N, C-alpha and C. Protein backbone atom coordinates (compact mmCIF):
# COMPACT_ATOMS: atom_id res chain seq x y z
N UNK A 1 67.86 57.07 87.14
CA UNK A 1 66.49 57.47 86.96
C UNK A 1 66.37 58.96 87.25
N UNK A 2 65.66 59.63 86.38
CA UNK A 2 65.38 61.04 86.59
C UNK A 2 64.27 61.17 87.63
N UNK A 3 64.33 62.23 88.41
CA UNK A 3 63.29 62.47 89.40
C UNK A 3 62.07 63.04 88.69
N UNK A 4 60.93 62.37 88.81
CA UNK A 4 59.70 62.85 88.16
C UNK A 4 59.28 64.20 88.74
N UNK A 5 58.79 65.08 87.88
CA UNK A 5 58.41 66.42 88.31
C UNK A 5 56.91 66.67 88.21
N UNK A 6 56.16 65.66 87.81
CA UNK A 6 54.71 65.80 87.70
C UNK A 6 54.06 64.45 87.93
N UNK A 7 52.75 64.48 88.10
CA UNK A 7 51.99 63.24 88.28
C UNK A 7 52.19 62.31 87.08
N UNK A 8 52.08 62.86 85.89
CA UNK A 8 52.23 62.05 84.68
C UNK A 8 53.61 61.41 84.58
N UNK A 9 54.65 62.20 84.85
CA UNK A 9 56.02 61.66 84.80
C UNK A 9 56.21 60.58 85.85
N UNK A 10 55.66 60.80 87.04
CA UNK A 10 55.78 59.81 88.11
C UNK A 10 55.17 58.48 87.69
N UNK A 11 53.97 58.53 87.16
CA UNK A 11 53.27 57.30 86.77
C UNK A 11 53.97 56.63 85.60
N UNK A 12 54.36 57.42 84.58
CA UNK A 12 55.06 56.83 83.43
C UNK A 12 56.40 56.22 83.83
N UNK A 13 57.09 56.86 84.75
CA UNK A 13 58.39 56.34 85.21
C UNK A 13 58.21 54.98 85.86
N UNK A 14 57.21 54.87 86.73
CA UNK A 14 56.99 53.61 87.42
C UNK A 14 56.43 52.56 86.47
N UNK A 15 55.58 52.96 85.55
CA UNK A 15 55.03 51.99 84.58
C UNK A 15 56.13 51.40 83.72
N UNK A 16 57.12 52.23 83.39
CA UNK A 16 58.24 51.73 82.59
C UNK A 16 57.79 51.23 81.24
N UNK A 17 58.21 50.03 80.89
CA UNK A 17 57.90 49.46 79.58
C UNK A 17 56.62 48.64 79.58
N UNK A 18 55.97 48.55 80.73
CA UNK A 18 54.70 47.82 80.78
C UNK A 18 53.64 48.59 80.01
N UNK A 19 52.71 47.87 79.43
CA UNK A 19 51.61 48.52 78.71
C UNK A 19 50.69 49.21 79.71
N UNK A 20 49.92 50.17 79.21
CA UNK A 20 48.97 50.84 80.09
C UNK A 20 47.95 49.84 80.64
N UNK A 21 47.52 48.90 79.82
CA UNK A 21 46.55 47.90 80.27
C UNK A 21 47.11 47.07 81.42
N UNK A 22 48.34 46.62 81.25
CA UNK A 22 48.97 45.80 82.28
C UNK A 22 49.15 46.59 83.58
N UNK A 23 49.64 47.82 83.46
CA UNK A 23 49.88 48.61 84.66
C UNK A 23 48.56 49.02 85.32
N UNK A 24 47.53 49.29 84.51
CA UNK A 24 46.22 49.63 85.06
C UNK A 24 45.68 48.47 85.90
N UNK A 25 45.87 47.24 85.44
CA UNK A 25 45.45 46.07 86.23
C UNK A 25 46.19 46.03 87.56
N UNK A 26 47.49 46.34 87.53
CA UNK A 26 48.29 46.36 88.75
C UNK A 26 47.73 47.39 89.74
N UNK A 27 47.32 48.54 89.20
CA UNK A 27 46.79 49.61 90.04
C UNK A 27 45.33 49.41 90.43
N UNK A 28 44.65 48.54 89.70
CA UNK A 28 43.23 48.31 89.97
C UNK A 28 42.34 49.38 89.39
N UNK A 29 42.71 49.89 88.21
CA UNK A 29 41.89 50.91 87.54
C UNK A 29 41.77 50.56 86.06
N UNK A 30 40.93 51.30 85.36
CA UNK A 30 40.78 51.11 83.91
C UNK A 30 41.97 51.71 83.17
N UNK A 31 42.25 51.17 81.99
CA UNK A 31 43.31 51.71 81.16
C UNK A 31 43.03 53.15 80.79
N UNK A 32 41.76 53.47 80.53
CA UNK A 32 41.41 54.85 80.16
C UNK A 32 41.68 55.81 81.32
N UNK A 33 41.44 55.38 82.55
CA UNK A 33 41.77 56.22 83.72
C UNK A 33 43.27 56.43 83.82
N UNK A 34 44.01 55.35 83.63
CA UNK A 34 45.48 55.46 83.70
C UNK A 34 45.98 56.45 82.65
N UNK A 35 45.42 56.37 81.46
CA UNK A 35 45.80 57.30 80.40
C UNK A 35 45.53 58.75 80.82
N UNK A 36 44.40 58.99 81.44
CA UNK A 36 44.07 60.35 81.90
C UNK A 36 44.99 60.78 83.04
N UNK A 37 45.37 59.85 83.91
CA UNK A 37 46.33 60.19 84.98
C UNK A 37 47.66 60.60 84.36
N UNK A 38 48.11 59.81 83.37
CA UNK A 38 49.40 60.09 82.74
C UNK A 38 49.37 61.40 81.95
N UNK A 39 48.24 61.70 81.33
CA UNK A 39 48.11 62.95 80.57
C UNK A 39 47.76 64.13 81.47
N UNK A 40 47.54 63.85 82.73
CA UNK A 40 47.21 64.85 83.75
C UNK A 40 45.90 65.58 83.47
N UNK A 41 44.99 64.90 82.76
CA UNK A 41 43.66 65.46 82.58
C UNK A 41 42.74 65.02 83.71
N UNK A 42 43.25 64.14 84.57
CA UNK A 42 42.51 63.66 85.73
C UNK A 42 43.51 63.45 86.86
N UNK A 43 43.19 63.97 88.01
CA UNK A 43 44.07 63.77 89.16
C UNK A 43 44.02 62.33 89.64
N UNK A 44 45.17 61.75 89.84
CA UNK A 44 45.24 60.36 90.32
C UNK A 44 44.90 60.31 91.80
N UNK A 45 44.22 59.25 92.23
CA UNK A 45 43.93 59.12 93.65
C UNK A 45 45.22 58.90 94.45
N UNK A 46 45.15 59.20 95.72
CA UNK A 46 46.36 59.06 96.56
C UNK A 46 46.89 57.63 96.56
N UNK A 47 46.02 56.65 96.39
CA UNK A 47 46.50 55.25 96.37
C UNK A 47 47.44 55.01 95.19
N UNK A 48 47.15 55.62 94.04
CA UNK A 48 48.02 55.49 92.86
C UNK A 48 49.34 56.22 93.08
N UNK A 49 49.25 57.45 93.59
CA UNK A 49 50.46 58.24 93.85
C UNK A 49 51.33 57.53 94.88
N UNK A 50 50.72 57.02 95.95
CA UNK A 50 51.48 56.32 96.97
C UNK A 50 52.14 55.06 96.43
N UNK A 51 51.43 54.31 95.58
CA UNK A 51 52.00 53.12 94.96
C UNK A 51 53.25 53.49 94.16
N UNK A 52 53.14 54.55 93.38
CA UNK A 52 54.26 54.97 92.54
C UNK A 52 55.43 55.48 93.38
N UNK A 53 55.13 56.23 94.44
CA UNK A 53 56.20 56.73 95.31
C UNK A 53 56.92 55.58 96.00
N UNK A 54 56.17 54.57 96.43
CA UNK A 54 56.80 53.41 97.06
C UNK A 54 57.69 52.66 96.07
N UNK A 55 57.23 52.54 94.83
CA UNK A 55 58.03 51.86 93.81
C UNK A 55 59.35 52.60 93.58
N UNK A 56 59.30 53.91 93.52
CA UNK A 56 60.52 54.70 93.32
C UNK A 56 61.42 54.60 94.55
N UNK A 57 60.83 54.64 95.73
CA UNK A 57 61.62 54.55 96.96
C UNK A 57 62.37 53.22 97.04
N UNK A 58 61.78 52.16 96.52
CA UNK A 58 62.44 50.85 96.53
C UNK A 58 63.63 50.82 95.58
N UNK A 59 63.60 51.63 94.53
CA UNK A 59 64.69 51.65 93.56
C UNK A 59 65.88 52.48 94.02
N UNK A 60 65.68 53.41 94.92
CA UNK A 60 66.76 54.31 95.34
C UNK A 60 67.93 53.55 95.96
N UNK A 61 67.72 52.63 96.93
CA UNK A 61 68.87 51.91 97.48
C UNK A 61 69.63 51.12 96.40
N UNK A 62 68.91 50.57 95.43
CA UNK A 62 69.55 49.83 94.34
C UNK A 62 70.44 50.75 93.51
N UNK A 63 69.96 51.95 93.23
CA UNK A 63 70.75 52.90 92.44
C UNK A 63 71.97 53.36 93.21
N UNK A 64 71.82 53.54 94.51
CA UNK A 64 72.97 53.95 95.32
C UNK A 64 74.03 52.87 95.31
N UNK A 65 73.61 51.62 95.44
CA UNK A 65 74.59 50.53 95.44
C UNK A 65 75.25 50.36 94.08
N UNK A 66 74.55 50.76 93.01
CA UNK A 66 75.12 50.67 91.67
C UNK A 66 76.02 51.85 91.38
N UNK A 67 75.98 52.87 92.22
CA UNK A 67 76.80 54.05 92.01
C UNK A 67 76.08 55.07 91.15
N UNK A 68 75.59 56.09 91.77
CA UNK A 68 74.89 57.12 91.03
C UNK A 68 75.91 58.01 90.33
N UNK A 69 75.53 58.76 89.32
CA UNK A 69 76.46 59.62 88.58
C UNK A 69 77.23 60.59 89.47
N UNK A 70 76.63 61.05 90.56
CA UNK A 70 77.34 61.99 91.44
C UNK A 70 78.56 61.31 92.06
N UNK A 71 78.43 60.01 92.38
CA UNK A 71 79.57 59.28 92.94
C UNK A 71 80.72 59.21 91.94
N UNK A 72 80.39 58.93 90.70
CA UNK A 72 81.41 58.87 89.66
C UNK A 72 82.05 60.24 89.47
N UNK A 73 81.25 61.29 89.49
CA UNK A 73 81.79 62.65 89.33
C UNK A 73 82.72 63.00 90.49
N UNK A 74 82.34 62.61 91.70
CA UNK A 74 83.19 62.91 92.86
C UNK A 74 84.52 62.14 92.77
N UNK A 75 84.47 60.89 92.35
CA UNK A 75 85.71 60.11 92.18
C UNK A 75 86.60 60.76 91.14
N UNK A 76 86.00 61.20 90.05
CA UNK A 76 86.75 61.85 88.98
C UNK A 76 87.38 63.15 89.49
N UNK A 77 86.61 63.93 90.23
CA UNK A 77 87.14 65.19 90.78
C UNK A 77 88.33 64.94 91.71
N UNK A 78 88.24 63.92 92.53
CA UNK A 78 89.35 63.58 93.43
C UNK A 78 90.59 63.18 92.64
N UNK A 79 90.37 62.42 91.56
CA UNK A 79 91.50 62.01 90.72
C UNK A 79 92.16 63.22 90.07
N UNK A 80 91.37 64.18 89.63
CA UNK A 80 91.91 65.39 89.01
C UNK A 80 92.71 66.19 90.03
N UNK A 81 92.17 66.36 91.23
CA UNK A 81 92.89 67.09 92.27
C UNK A 81 94.20 66.39 92.59
N UNK A 82 94.17 65.07 92.73
CA UNK A 82 95.38 64.32 93.00
C UNK A 82 96.41 64.52 91.89
N UNK A 83 95.95 64.46 90.63
CA UNK A 83 96.87 64.64 89.50
C UNK A 83 97.47 66.04 89.49
N UNK A 84 96.66 67.06 89.77
CA UNK A 84 97.17 68.43 89.81
C UNK A 84 98.18 68.62 90.94
N UNK A 85 97.89 68.04 92.09
CA UNK A 85 98.83 68.15 93.21
C UNK A 85 100.14 67.45 92.88
N UNK A 86 100.05 66.30 92.24
CA UNK A 86 101.26 65.56 91.85
C UNK A 86 102.06 66.35 90.83
N UNK A 87 101.35 66.95 89.86
CA UNK A 87 102.01 67.76 88.85
C UNK A 87 102.72 68.96 89.49
N UNK A 88 102.07 69.55 90.47
CA UNK A 88 102.63 70.70 91.15
C UNK A 88 103.90 70.31 91.89
N UNK A 89 103.92 69.13 92.48
CA UNK A 89 105.09 68.65 93.20
C UNK A 89 106.23 68.34 92.25
N UNK A 90 105.92 67.72 91.11
CA UNK A 90 106.94 67.32 90.17
C UNK A 90 107.48 68.50 89.35
N UNK A 91 106.61 69.46 89.04
CA UNK A 91 107.02 70.57 88.20
C UNK A 91 106.31 71.85 88.65
N UNK A 92 106.79 72.46 89.75
CA UNK A 92 106.10 73.62 90.33
C UNK A 92 106.01 74.82 89.40
N UNK A 93 106.90 74.98 88.42
CA UNK A 93 106.85 76.14 87.54
C UNK A 93 105.66 76.10 86.58
N UNK A 94 105.19 74.91 86.25
CA UNK A 94 104.14 74.77 85.25
C UNK A 94 102.74 74.97 85.84
N UNK A 95 102.60 74.88 87.14
CA UNK A 95 101.26 74.97 87.74
C UNK A 95 101.05 76.32 88.36
């Protein structure tokens, strides 16, 4: 998941594939208000922002357990270093 950089991105990220009507019911607001929050023509109340932040916070441990891209990159980097060190040991003239 990308880190949202605005109110609209935050709300759209948490809404996901749910319709605006469905998500508006979850938030306890009208669909038209939700649309304005997402378009950033209206500031969302703190209750909406807090709901969305909590939803994202709940997903973070799940993403960590699934292995975030940085973990894969670090594993790959370690493998490359190991391979270079092995190559250096086997054929010092080439490295």
